[in-house]
Protein backbone atom coordinates (compact mmCIF):
# COMPACT_ATOMS: atom_id res chain seq x y z
CA UNK A 1 0.00 0.00 0.00
CA UNK A 2 0.98 3.64 -0.44
CA UNK A 3 0.54 5.85 2.62
CA UNK A 4 0.59 9.48 1.55
CA UNK A 5 1.35 12.11 4.20
CA UNK A 6 0.48 15.75 3.58
CA UNK A 7 0.56 18.93 5.61
CA UNK A 8 2.32 22.22 6.09
CA UNK A 9 5.85 22.38 7.43
CA UNK A 10 6.06 22.13 11.20
CA UNK A 11 2.84 20.18 11.76
CA UNK A 12 4.66 16.98 12.72
CA UNK A 13 4.08 14.93 9.57
CA UNK A 14 7.72 13.86 9.18
CA UNK A 15 7.99 12.76 12.81
CA UNK A 16 4.80 10.70 12.52
CA UNK A 17 5.64 9.32 9.06
CA UNK A 18 9.10 8.19 10.20
CA UNK A 19 7.77 6.49 13.32
CA UNK A 20 5.06 4.71 11.33
CA UNK A 21 7.64 3.60 8.74
CA UNK A 22 9.89 2.29 11.50
CA UNK A 23 7.05 0.40 13.20
CA UNK A 24 5.64 -1.26 10.09
CA UNK A 25 8.91 -1.65 8.16
CA UNK A 26 7.77 0.53 5.26
CA UNK A 27 9.94 2.19 2.63
CA UNK A 28 10.16 5.88 3.53
CA UNK A 29 10.22 8.44 0.67
CA UNK A 30 10.76 12.05 1.77
CA UNK A 31 10.51 14.71 -0.92
CA UNK A 32 12.57 17.20 1.16
CA UNK A 33 15.53 14.79 1.08
CA UNK A 34 15.16 14.19 -2.65
CA UNK A 35 14.97 17.91 -3.42
CA UNK A 36 18.00 18.69 -1.27
CA UNK A 37 19.99 15.93 -3.00
CA UNK A 38 19.11 17.51 -6.34
CA UNK A 39 20.31 20.92 -5.08
CA UNK A 40 23.51 19.36 -3.70
CA UNK A 41 24.21 17.67 -7.04
CA UNK A 42 24.31 21.11 -8.65
CA UNK A 43 22.73 19.81 -11.81
CA UNK A 44 19.57 21.90 -11.64
CA UNK A 45 19.48 24.42 -14.44
CA UNK A 46 15.90 25.53 -13.77
CA UNK A 47 13.57 25.89 -10.77
CA UNK A 48 12.83 22.71 -8.79
CA UNK A 49 9.14 22.69 -9.79
CA UNK A 50 7.94 19.09 -9.43
CA UNK A 51 11.28 17.30 -9.90
CA UNK A 52 11.44 16.00 -6.33
CA UNK A 53 7.89 14.74 -6.51
CA UNK A 54 8.51 12.98 -9.84
CA UNK A 55 11.56 11.19 -8.45
CA UNK A 56 9.61 10.29 -5.32
CA UNK A 57 6.82 8.87 -7.48
CA UNK A 58 9.27 6.69 -9.41
CA UNK A 59 10.98 5.37 -6.26
CA UNK A 60 7.62 4.73 -4.61
CA UNK A 61 6.21 2.89 -7.62
CA UNK A 62 9.30 0.70 -7.98
CA UNK A 63 8.97 -0.36 -4.34
CA UNK A 64 5.20 -0.82 -4.50
CA UNK A 65 5.68 -3.16 -7.47
CA UNK A 66 8.05 -5.19 -5.29
CA UNK A 67 5.24 -5.63 -2.77
CA UNK A 68 6.57 -3.14 -0.25
CA UNK A 69 4.47 -0.66 1.71
CA UNK A 70 5.66 2.87 0.95
CA UNK A 71 5.24 6.02 2.99
CA UNK A 72 5.42 9.29 1.06
CA UNK A 73 6.27 12.35 3.18
CA UNK A 74 5.71 15.73 1.53
CA UNK A 75 3.72 18.94 1.89
CA UNK A 76 1.42 17.84 -0.94
CA UNK A 77 -0.26 21.26 -1.02
CA UNK A 78 -2.47 20.98 -4.11
CA UNK A 79 -5.11 18.60 -5.35
CA UNK A 80 -2.88 17.83 -8.34
CA UNK A 81 0.03 16.76 -6.12
CA UNK A 82 -2.29 14.56 -4.08
CA UNK A 83 -3.86 13.09 -7.22
CA UNK A 84 -0.48 12.21 -8.72
CA UNK A 85 0.43 10.19 -5.62
CA UNK A 86 -2.90 8.36 -5.91
CA UNK A 87 -2.11 7.71 -9.57
CA UNK A 88 1.15 6.04 -8.47
CA UNK A 89 -0.83 3.69 -6.23
CA UNK A 90 -3.35 3.01 -9.00
CA UNK A 91 -0.56 2.29 -11.50
CA UNK A 92 1.02 -0.19 -9.08
CA UNK A 93 -2.38 -1.73 -8.29
CA UNK A 94 -2.21 -1.00 -4.56
CA UNK A 95 -4.32 0.70 -1.94
CA UNK A 96 -3.72 4.40 -1.23
CA UNK A 97 -4.23 5.93 2.21
CA UNK A 98 -4.11 9.73 2.48
CA UNK A 99 -3.26 11.41 5.76
CA UNK A 100 -3.24 15.16 6.35
CA UNK A 101 -1.32 16.31 9.42
CA UNK A 102 -2.35 19.64 10.90
CA UNK A 103 -1.62 21.61 14.06
CA UNK A 104 -4.77 23.52 15.02
CA UNK A 105 -2.93 25.49 17.71
CA UNK A 106 -1.34 28.36 15.73
CA UNK A 107 0.94 29.35 18.61
CA UNK A 108 2.28 25.83 18.95
CA UNK A 109 2.63 25.46 15.19
CA UNK A 110 4.60 28.70 15.00
CA UNK A 111 6.81 27.64 17.94
CA UNK A 112 7.64 24.39 16.16
CA UNK A 113 8.47 26.14 12.88
CA UNK A 114 10.65 28.74 14.58
CA UNK A 115 12.57 26.34 16.83
CA UNK A 116 13.15 23.27 14.71
CA UNK A 117 16.49 22.28 13.27
CA UNK A 118 16.88 20.65 9.88
CA UNK A 119 17.86 16.99 9.90
CA UNK A 120 18.72 17.14 6.18
CA UNK A 121 22.16 18.70 5.72
CA UNK A 122 21.90 21.91 3.70
CA UNK A 123 18.10 22.06 3.77
CA UNK A 124 16.83 25.55 4.52
CA UNK A 125 13.66 25.30 6.56
CA UNK A 126 10.84 27.75 5.81
CA UNK A 127 10.14 30.68 8.08
CA UNK A 128 6.79 31.04 9.82
CA UNK A 129 5.84 33.72 7.29
CA UNK A 130 6.65 31.34 4.42
CA UNK A 131 4.63 28.54 6.01
CA UNK A 132 1.47 30.62 6.46
CA UNK A 133 1.84 32.19 2.99
CA UNK A 134 2.25 28.82 1.26
CA UNK A 135 -0.46 27.90 -1.21
CA UNK A 136 -2.30 24.98 0.37
CA UNK A 137 -5.66 23.87 -1.01
CA UNK A 138 -8.44 22.37 1.07
CA UNK A 139 -9.09 18.69 0.52
CA UNK A 140 -11.86 17.66 -1.86
CA UNK A 141 -12.01 13.95 -0.97
CA UNK A 142 -12.10 11.70 2.06
CA UNK A 143 -8.85 11.40 4.01
CA UNK A 144 -7.65 11.00 7.57
CA UNK A 145 -6.77 14.19 9.43
CA UNK A 146 -4.39 14.03 12.38
CA UNK A 147 -4.26 17.12 14.61
CA UNK A 148 -0.94 17.17 16.45
CA UNK A 149 -2.22 19.86 18.79
CA UNK A 150 -4.54 17.17 20.17
CA UNK A 151 -2.48 13.98 20.00
CA UNK A 152 1.16 13.05 20.30
CA UNK A 153 3.27 10.95 17.93
CA UNK A 154 2.43 7.59 19.53
CA UNK A 155 -1.30 8.35 19.60
CA UNK A 156 -1.14 9.44 15.96
CA UNK A 157 0.66 6.27 14.89
CA UNK A 158 -1.81 4.09 16.80
CA UNK A 159 -4.72 5.86 15.11
CA UNK A 160 -3.16 5.38 11.67
CA UNK A 161 -2.37 1.72 12.30
CA UNK A 162 -5.95 1.13 13.42
CA UNK A 163 -7.19 2.78 10.22
CA UNK A 164 -4.82 0.70 8.08
CA UNK A 165 -6.18 -2.48 9.61
CA UNK A 166 -9.87 -1.53 9.29
CA UNK A 167 -10.47 0.70 6.25
CA UNK A 168 -10.25 -0.51 2.65
CA UNK A 169 -9.33 2.85 1.08
CA UNK A 170 -9.17 6.44 2.26
Foldseek 3Di string as FASTA:
>chain_A
DEEEEAEFPQLCRVVLLVVLCVVVVAAEQELLQQVVVVVVVVPDPDDCPCVSLVVSLVVCLVVVLVVGYYYYDDNQQDPVSVVVSVVSCVVSVHAYAYEYGEAPPLVSSQVRQVPDDDPRPPRDGDHPVCRVPDRHDDDDDDHHYHHCNVDPSVVVSVVVVVCVVPPRHD
